[in-house]
Amino acid sequence: MATDPIKSRCITCDKEKRAVRCEGCLQLFCYDHLTDHRQELNKQLDHIELHRDRFRQTLNEQANHPQIHILIKQIEQWEEESIKTIQQTATDLDSLLEEEKKSLIL
């Protein structure tokens, strides 16, 4: 989700601080607001997952044709791959934040 920190202006507070660029939206966030941004992305993801679940339920209710089962499997595969990508991005961001905390303490 984020790249190496640079000193720039946070898009949220407009203060010049060490900032991280979100690789998704390409905007710069200070560490205080990066967490807020991540929480907002999590809310959006929850919303998407809710719609996905409703869509899956509709598909399951209409799963009388063999071709639909193939589509459901493709959707499930996409879901698994997406979750892995999101988890890896979150892990990378957590690591980056920990590294920056350590460098600020030193």
N, C-alpha and C. Protein backbone atom coordinates (compact mmCIF):
# COMPACT_ATOMS: atom_id res chain seq x y z
N MET A 1 0.80 -1.19 0.00
CA MET A 1 0.00 0.00 0.00
C MET A 1 0.85 1.26 0.00
N ALA A 2 2.01 1.25 0.64
CA ALA A 2 2.76 2.48 0.80
C ALA A 2 4.20 2.28 0.35
N THR A 3 4.82 3.40 -0.03
CA THR A 3 6.21 3.37 -0.47
C THR A 3 7.09 3.99 0.60
N ASP A 4 8.37 4.13 0.31
CA ASP A 4 9.32 4.68 1.27
C ASP A 4 8.91 6.09 1.70
N PRO A 5 9.14 6.41 2.98
CA PRO A 5 8.75 7.73 3.48
C PRO A 5 9.65 8.83 2.93
N ILE A 6 9.05 9.98 2.70
CA ILE A 6 9.78 11.16 2.27
C ILE A 6 9.20 12.34 3.04
N LYS A 7 9.94 13.43 3.09
CA LYS A 7 9.42 14.60 3.79
C LYS A 7 8.60 15.40 2.79
N SER A 8 7.33 15.49 3.06
CA SER A 8 6.42 16.16 2.16
C SER A 8 5.19 16.56 2.94
N ARG A 9 4.18 17.05 2.23
CA ARG A 9 2.95 17.50 2.88
C ARG A 9 1.91 16.39 2.90
N CYS A 10 1.36 16.17 4.08
CA CYS A 10 0.28 15.20 4.24
C CYS A 10 -0.96 15.76 3.57
N ILE A 11 -1.64 14.93 2.80
CA ILE A 11 -2.86 15.36 2.09
C ILE A 11 -3.98 15.70 3.07
N THR A 12 -3.94 15.11 4.26
CA THR A 12 -5.02 15.32 5.24
C THR A 12 -4.80 16.57 6.09
N CYS A 13 -3.61 16.69 6.70
CA CYS A 13 -3.37 17.82 7.61
C CYS A 13 -2.59 18.96 6.97
N ASP A 14 -2.05 18.74 5.78
CA ASP A 14 -1.30 19.74 5.03
C ASP A 14 -0.07 20.25 5.79
N LYS A 15 0.48 19.39 6.68
CA LYS A 15 1.70 19.74 7.39
C LYS A 15 2.87 19.03 6.73
N GLU A 16 4.01 19.70 6.74
CA GLU A 16 5.19 19.07 6.17
C GLU A 16 5.80 18.14 7.21
N LYS A 17 5.71 16.86 6.92
CA LYS A 17 6.19 15.82 7.83
C LYS A 17 6.74 14.69 6.98
N ARG A 18 7.29 13.70 7.66
CA ARG A 18 7.64 12.47 6.95
C ARG A 18 6.34 11.86 6.50
N ALA A 19 6.27 11.54 5.24
CA ALA A 19 5.00 11.06 4.69
C ALA A 19 5.25 9.79 3.89
N VAL A 20 4.18 9.04 3.74
CA VAL A 20 4.21 7.80 2.98
C VAL A 20 3.18 7.91 1.87
N ARG A 21 3.58 7.51 0.68
CA ARG A 21 2.66 7.55 -0.46
C ARG A 21 1.87 6.25 -0.51
N CYS A 22 0.57 6.36 -0.50
CA CYS A 22 -0.30 5.20 -0.65
C CYS A 22 -0.19 4.76 -2.12
N GLU A 23 0.17 3.51 -2.32
CA GLU A 23 0.32 3.04 -3.70
C GLU A 23 -1.02 2.88 -4.40
N GLY A 24 -2.10 2.84 -3.64
CA GLY A 24 -3.42 2.72 -4.24
C GLY A 24 -3.91 4.03 -4.83
N CYS A 25 -3.87 5.10 -4.01
CA CYS A 25 -4.40 6.38 -4.47
C CYS A 25 -3.30 7.38 -4.81
N LEU A 26 -2.04 7.05 -4.51
CA LEU A 26 -0.87 7.86 -4.81
C LEU A 26 -0.81 9.18 -4.04
N GLN A 27 -1.53 9.27 -2.94
CA GLN A 27 -1.50 10.48 -2.13
C GLN A 27 -0.57 10.27 -0.95
N LEU A 28 -0.04 11.37 -0.42
CA LEU A 28 0.90 11.32 0.70
C LEU A 28 0.17 11.49 2.02
N PHE A 29 0.55 10.68 3.01
CA PHE A 29 -0.05 10.74 4.34
C PHE A 29 1.06 10.70 5.38
N CYS A 30 0.92 11.54 6.41
CA CYS A 30 1.82 11.43 7.55
C CYS A 30 1.41 10.16 8.31
N TYR A 31 2.24 9.75 9.25
CA TYR A 31 1.96 8.50 9.94
C TYR A 31 0.67 8.57 10.75
N ASP A 32 0.34 9.76 11.28
CA ASP A 32 -0.92 9.91 12.02
C ASP A 32 -2.12 9.63 11.11
N HIS A 33 -2.07 10.13 9.90
CA HIS A 33 -3.21 10.02 9.01
C HIS A 33 -3.16 8.79 8.11
N LEU A 34 -2.01 8.16 8.03
CA LEU A 34 -1.92 6.92 7.26
C LEU A 34 -2.81 5.85 7.89
N THR A 35 -2.84 5.82 9.21
CA THR A 35 -3.71 4.87 9.91
C THR A 35 -5.17 5.17 9.60
N ASP A 36 -5.55 6.44 9.62
CA ASP A 36 -6.93 6.82 9.29
C ASP A 36 -7.28 6.39 7.87
N HIS A 37 -6.34 6.63 6.97
CA HIS A 37 -6.56 6.26 5.56
C HIS A 37 -6.75 4.75 5.43
N ARG A 38 -5.91 4.01 6.14
CA ARG A 38 -6.01 2.55 6.10
C ARG A 38 -7.35 2.09 6.67
N GLN A 39 -7.82 2.73 7.74
CA GLN A 39 -9.11 2.36 8.32
C GLN A 39 -10.24 2.65 7.33
N GLU A 40 -10.15 3.75 6.62
CA GLU A 40 -11.16 4.08 5.61
C GLU A 40 -11.14 3.04 4.50
N LEU A 41 -9.96 2.63 4.08
CA LEU A 41 -9.87 1.58 3.06
C LEU A 41 -10.47 0.28 3.57
N ASN A 42 -10.25 -0.02 4.86
CA ASN A 42 -10.85 -1.22 5.44
C ASN A 42 -12.37 -1.14 5.44
N LYS A 43 -12.92 0.04 5.73
CA LYS A 43 -14.38 0.22 5.67
C LYS A 43 -14.90 -0.01 4.26
N GLN A 44 -14.18 0.54 3.29
CA GLN A 44 -14.58 0.35 1.90
C GLN A 44 -14.50 -1.13 1.51
N LEU A 45 -13.47 -1.80 1.98
CA LEU A 45 -13.33 -3.22 1.69
C LEU A 45 -14.47 -4.01 2.34
N ASP A 46 -14.84 -3.65 3.56
CA ASP A 46 -15.97 -4.32 4.21
C ASP A 46 -17.24 -4.16 3.39
N HIS A 47 -17.44 -2.97 2.86
CA HIS A 47 -18.61 -2.68 2.03
C HIS A 47 -18.59 -3.55 0.77
N ILE A 48 -17.43 -3.65 0.16
CA ILE A 48 -17.28 -4.48 -1.04
C ILE A 48 -17.55 -5.94 -0.71
N GLU A 49 -17.03 -6.40 0.42
CA GLU A 49 -17.24 -7.79 0.81
C GLU A 49 -18.72 -8.07 1.06
N LEU A 50 -19.43 -7.12 1.62
CA LEU A 50 -20.87 -7.29 1.85
C LEU A 50 -21.60 -7.46 0.52
N HIS A 51 -21.26 -6.62 -0.45
CA HIS A 51 -21.87 -6.74 -1.77
C HIS A 51 -21.49 -8.07 -2.44
N ARG A 52 -20.24 -8.46 -2.26
CA ARG A 52 -19.80 -9.75 -2.81
C ARG A 52 -20.60 -10.90 -2.22
N ASP A 53 -20.80 -10.85 -0.90
CA ASP A 53 -21.56 -11.92 -0.24
C ASP A 53 -23.00 -11.97 -0.74
N ARG A 54 -23.59 -10.81 -0.92
CA ARG A 54 -24.96 -10.77 -1.46
C ARG A 54 -25.00 -11.31 -2.88
N PHE A 55 -24.01 -10.94 -3.66
CA PHE A 55 -23.93 -11.42 -5.03
C PHE A 55 -23.75 -12.93 -5.06
N ARG A 56 -22.89 -13.43 -4.20
CA ARG A 56 -22.65 -14.88 -4.12
C ARG A 56 -23.94 -15.61 -3.72
N GLN A 57 -24.65 -15.04 -2.78
CA GLN A 57 -25.91 -15.66 -2.36
C GLN A 57 -26.89 -15.73 -3.53
N THR A 58 -26.99 -14.66 -4.29
CA THR A 58 -27.87 -14.66 -5.46
C THR A 58 -27.43 -15.71 -6.46
N LEU A 59 -26.13 -15.79 -6.69
CA LEU A 59 -25.63 -16.81 -7.62
C LEU A 59 -25.94 -18.22 -7.11
N ASN A 60 -25.74 -18.43 -5.82
CA ASN A 60 -26.02 -19.75 -5.27
C ASN A 60 -27.49 -20.12 -5.40
N GLU A 61 -28.35 -19.15 -5.26
CA GLU A 61 -29.78 -19.40 -5.39
C GLU A 61 -30.16 -19.74 -6.83
N GLN A 62 -29.38 -19.26 -7.76
CA GLN A 62 -29.68 -19.49 -9.17
C GLN A 62 -28.76 -20.54 -9.80
N ALA A 63 -28.09 -21.33 -8.96
CA ALA A 63 -27.08 -22.25 -9.45
C ALA A 63 -27.67 -23.55 -9.97
N ASN A 64 -28.56 -23.47 -10.92
CA ASN A 64 -29.16 -24.66 -11.52
C ASN A 64 -28.43 -25.10 -12.78
N HIS A 65 -27.54 -24.27 -13.27
CA HIS A 65 -26.83 -24.58 -14.50
C HIS A 65 -25.37 -24.87 -14.19
N PRO A 66 -24.78 -25.89 -14.83
CA PRO A 66 -23.38 -26.22 -14.58
C PRO A 66 -22.43 -25.06 -14.87
N GLN A 67 -22.77 -24.24 -15.83
CA GLN A 67 -21.90 -23.12 -16.19
C GLN A 67 -21.78 -22.13 -15.03
N ILE A 68 -22.83 -21.98 -14.26
CA ILE A 68 -22.81 -21.06 -13.13
C ILE A 68 -21.81 -21.55 -12.08
N HIS A 69 -21.70 -22.87 -11.90
CA HIS A 69 -20.74 -23.40 -10.93
C HIS A 69 -19.31 -23.02 -11.33
N ILE A 70 -19.02 -23.02 -12.60
CA ILE A 70 -17.70 -22.62 -13.08
C ILE A 70 -17.45 -21.15 -12.72
N LEU A 71 -18.46 -20.32 -12.93
CA LEU A 71 -18.32 -18.90 -12.60
C LEU A 71 -18.11 -18.70 -11.10
N ILE A 72 -18.82 -19.45 -10.30
CA ILE A 72 -18.67 -19.34 -8.85
C ILE A 72 -17.25 -19.72 -8.44
N LYS A 73 -16.71 -20.77 -9.03
CA LYS A 73 -15.33 -21.18 -8.72
C LYS A 73 -14.34 -20.09 -9.14
N GLN A 74 -14.58 -19.46 -10.27
CA GLN A 74 -13.71 -18.37 -10.71
C GLN A 74 -13.78 -17.20 -9.74
N ILE A 75 -14.97 -16.90 -9.27
CA ILE A 75 -15.15 -15.80 -8.32
C ILE A 75 -14.45 -16.13 -7.00
N GLU A 76 -14.58 -17.37 -6.54
CA GLU A 76 -13.93 -17.77 -5.31
C GLU A 76 -12.41 -17.70 -5.44
N GLN A 77 -11.89 -18.09 -6.60
CA GLN A 77 -10.46 -17.99 -6.84
C GLN A 77 -10.02 -16.53 -6.82
N TRP A 78 -10.79 -15.66 -7.46
CA TRP A 78 -10.49 -14.23 -7.45
C TRP A 78 -10.51 -13.70 -6.01
N GLU A 79 -11.47 -14.15 -5.24
CA GLU A 79 -11.57 -13.71 -3.85
C GLU A 79 -10.33 -14.11 -3.06
N GLU A 80 -9.92 -15.36 -3.19
CA GLU A 80 -8.75 -15.84 -2.47
C GLU A 80 -7.50 -15.06 -2.87
N GLU A 81 -7.32 -14.82 -4.15
CA GLU A 81 -6.16 -14.07 -4.62
C GLU A 81 -6.20 -12.63 -4.12
N SER A 82 -7.38 -12.04 -4.12
CA SER A 82 -7.53 -10.66 -3.64
C SER A 82 -7.21 -10.56 -2.16
N ILE A 83 -7.70 -11.51 -1.39
CA ILE A 83 -7.44 -11.50 0.05
C ILE A 83 -5.94 -11.63 0.31
N LYS A 84 -5.26 -12.52 -0.41
CA LYS A 84 -3.82 -12.68 -0.24
C LYS A 84 -3.09 -11.39 -0.57
N THR A 85 -3.50 -10.73 -1.65
CA THR A 85 -2.87 -9.48 -2.04
C THR A 85 -3.07 -8.41 -0.98
N ILE A 86 -4.28 -8.31 -0.47
CA ILE A 86 -4.59 -7.31 0.57
C ILE A 86 -3.82 -7.60 1.84
N GLN A 87 -3.77 -8.87 2.23
CA GLN A 87 -3.02 -9.23 3.44
C GLN A 87 -1.54 -8.92 3.27
N GLN A 88 -0.98 -9.19 2.11
CA GLN A 88 0.44 -8.91 1.88
C GLN A 88 0.70 -7.40 1.93
N THR A 89 -0.21 -6.62 1.35
CA THR A 89 -0.07 -5.16 1.39
C THR A 89 -0.12 -4.66 2.82
N ALA A 90 -1.04 -5.19 3.61
CA ALA A 90 -1.14 -4.78 5.02
C ALA A 90 0.13 -5.16 5.78
N THR A 91 0.65 -6.34 5.53
CA THR A 91 1.88 -6.79 6.18
C THR A 91 3.04 -5.88 5.81
N ASP A 92 3.14 -5.56 4.53
CA ASP A 92 4.21 -4.67 4.07
C ASP A 92 4.12 -3.31 4.75
N LEU A 93 2.91 -2.78 4.86
CA LEU A 93 2.71 -1.48 5.48
C LEU A 93 3.06 -1.54 6.96
N ASP A 94 2.64 -2.60 7.64
CA ASP A 94 2.98 -2.76 9.06
C ASP A 94 4.49 -2.79 9.24
N SER A 95 5.19 -3.51 8.38
CA SER A 95 6.65 -3.59 8.46
C SER A 95 7.27 -2.22 8.24
N LEU A 96 6.76 -1.50 7.26
CA LEU A 96 7.28 -0.16 6.97
C LEU A 96 7.08 0.76 8.17
N LEU A 97 5.91 0.70 8.78
CA LEU A 97 5.65 1.55 9.94
C LEU A 97 6.58 1.20 11.10
N GLU A 98 6.80 -0.09 11.31
CA GLU A 98 7.69 -0.51 12.38
C GLU A 98 9.12 -0.02 12.12
N GLU A 99 9.58 -0.11 10.89
CA GLU A 99 10.92 0.35 10.55
C GLU A 99 11.04 1.85 10.79
N GLU A 100 10.01 2.59 10.42
CA GLU A 100 10.05 4.04 10.60
C GLU A 100 10.00 4.40 12.08
N LYS A 101 9.23 3.68 12.86
CA LYS A 101 9.19 3.94 14.31
C LYS A 101 10.57 3.72 14.90
N LYS A 102 11.24 2.64 14.48
CA LYS A 102 12.57 2.36 15.00
C LYS A 102 13.56 3.46 14.60
N SER A 103 13.46 3.92 13.35
CA SER A 103 14.40 4.95 12.90
C SER A 103 14.12 6.29 13.60
N LEU A 104 12.89 6.55 13.97
CA LEU A 104 12.58 7.79 14.67
C LEU A 104 13.04 7.73 16.11
N ILE A 105 13.03 6.55 16.70
CA ILE A 105 13.47 6.40 18.08
C ILE A 105 14.98 6.55 18.19
N LEU A 106 15.67 6.06 17.17
CA LEU A 106 17.16 6.15 17.16
C LEU A 106 17.52 7.56 16.88
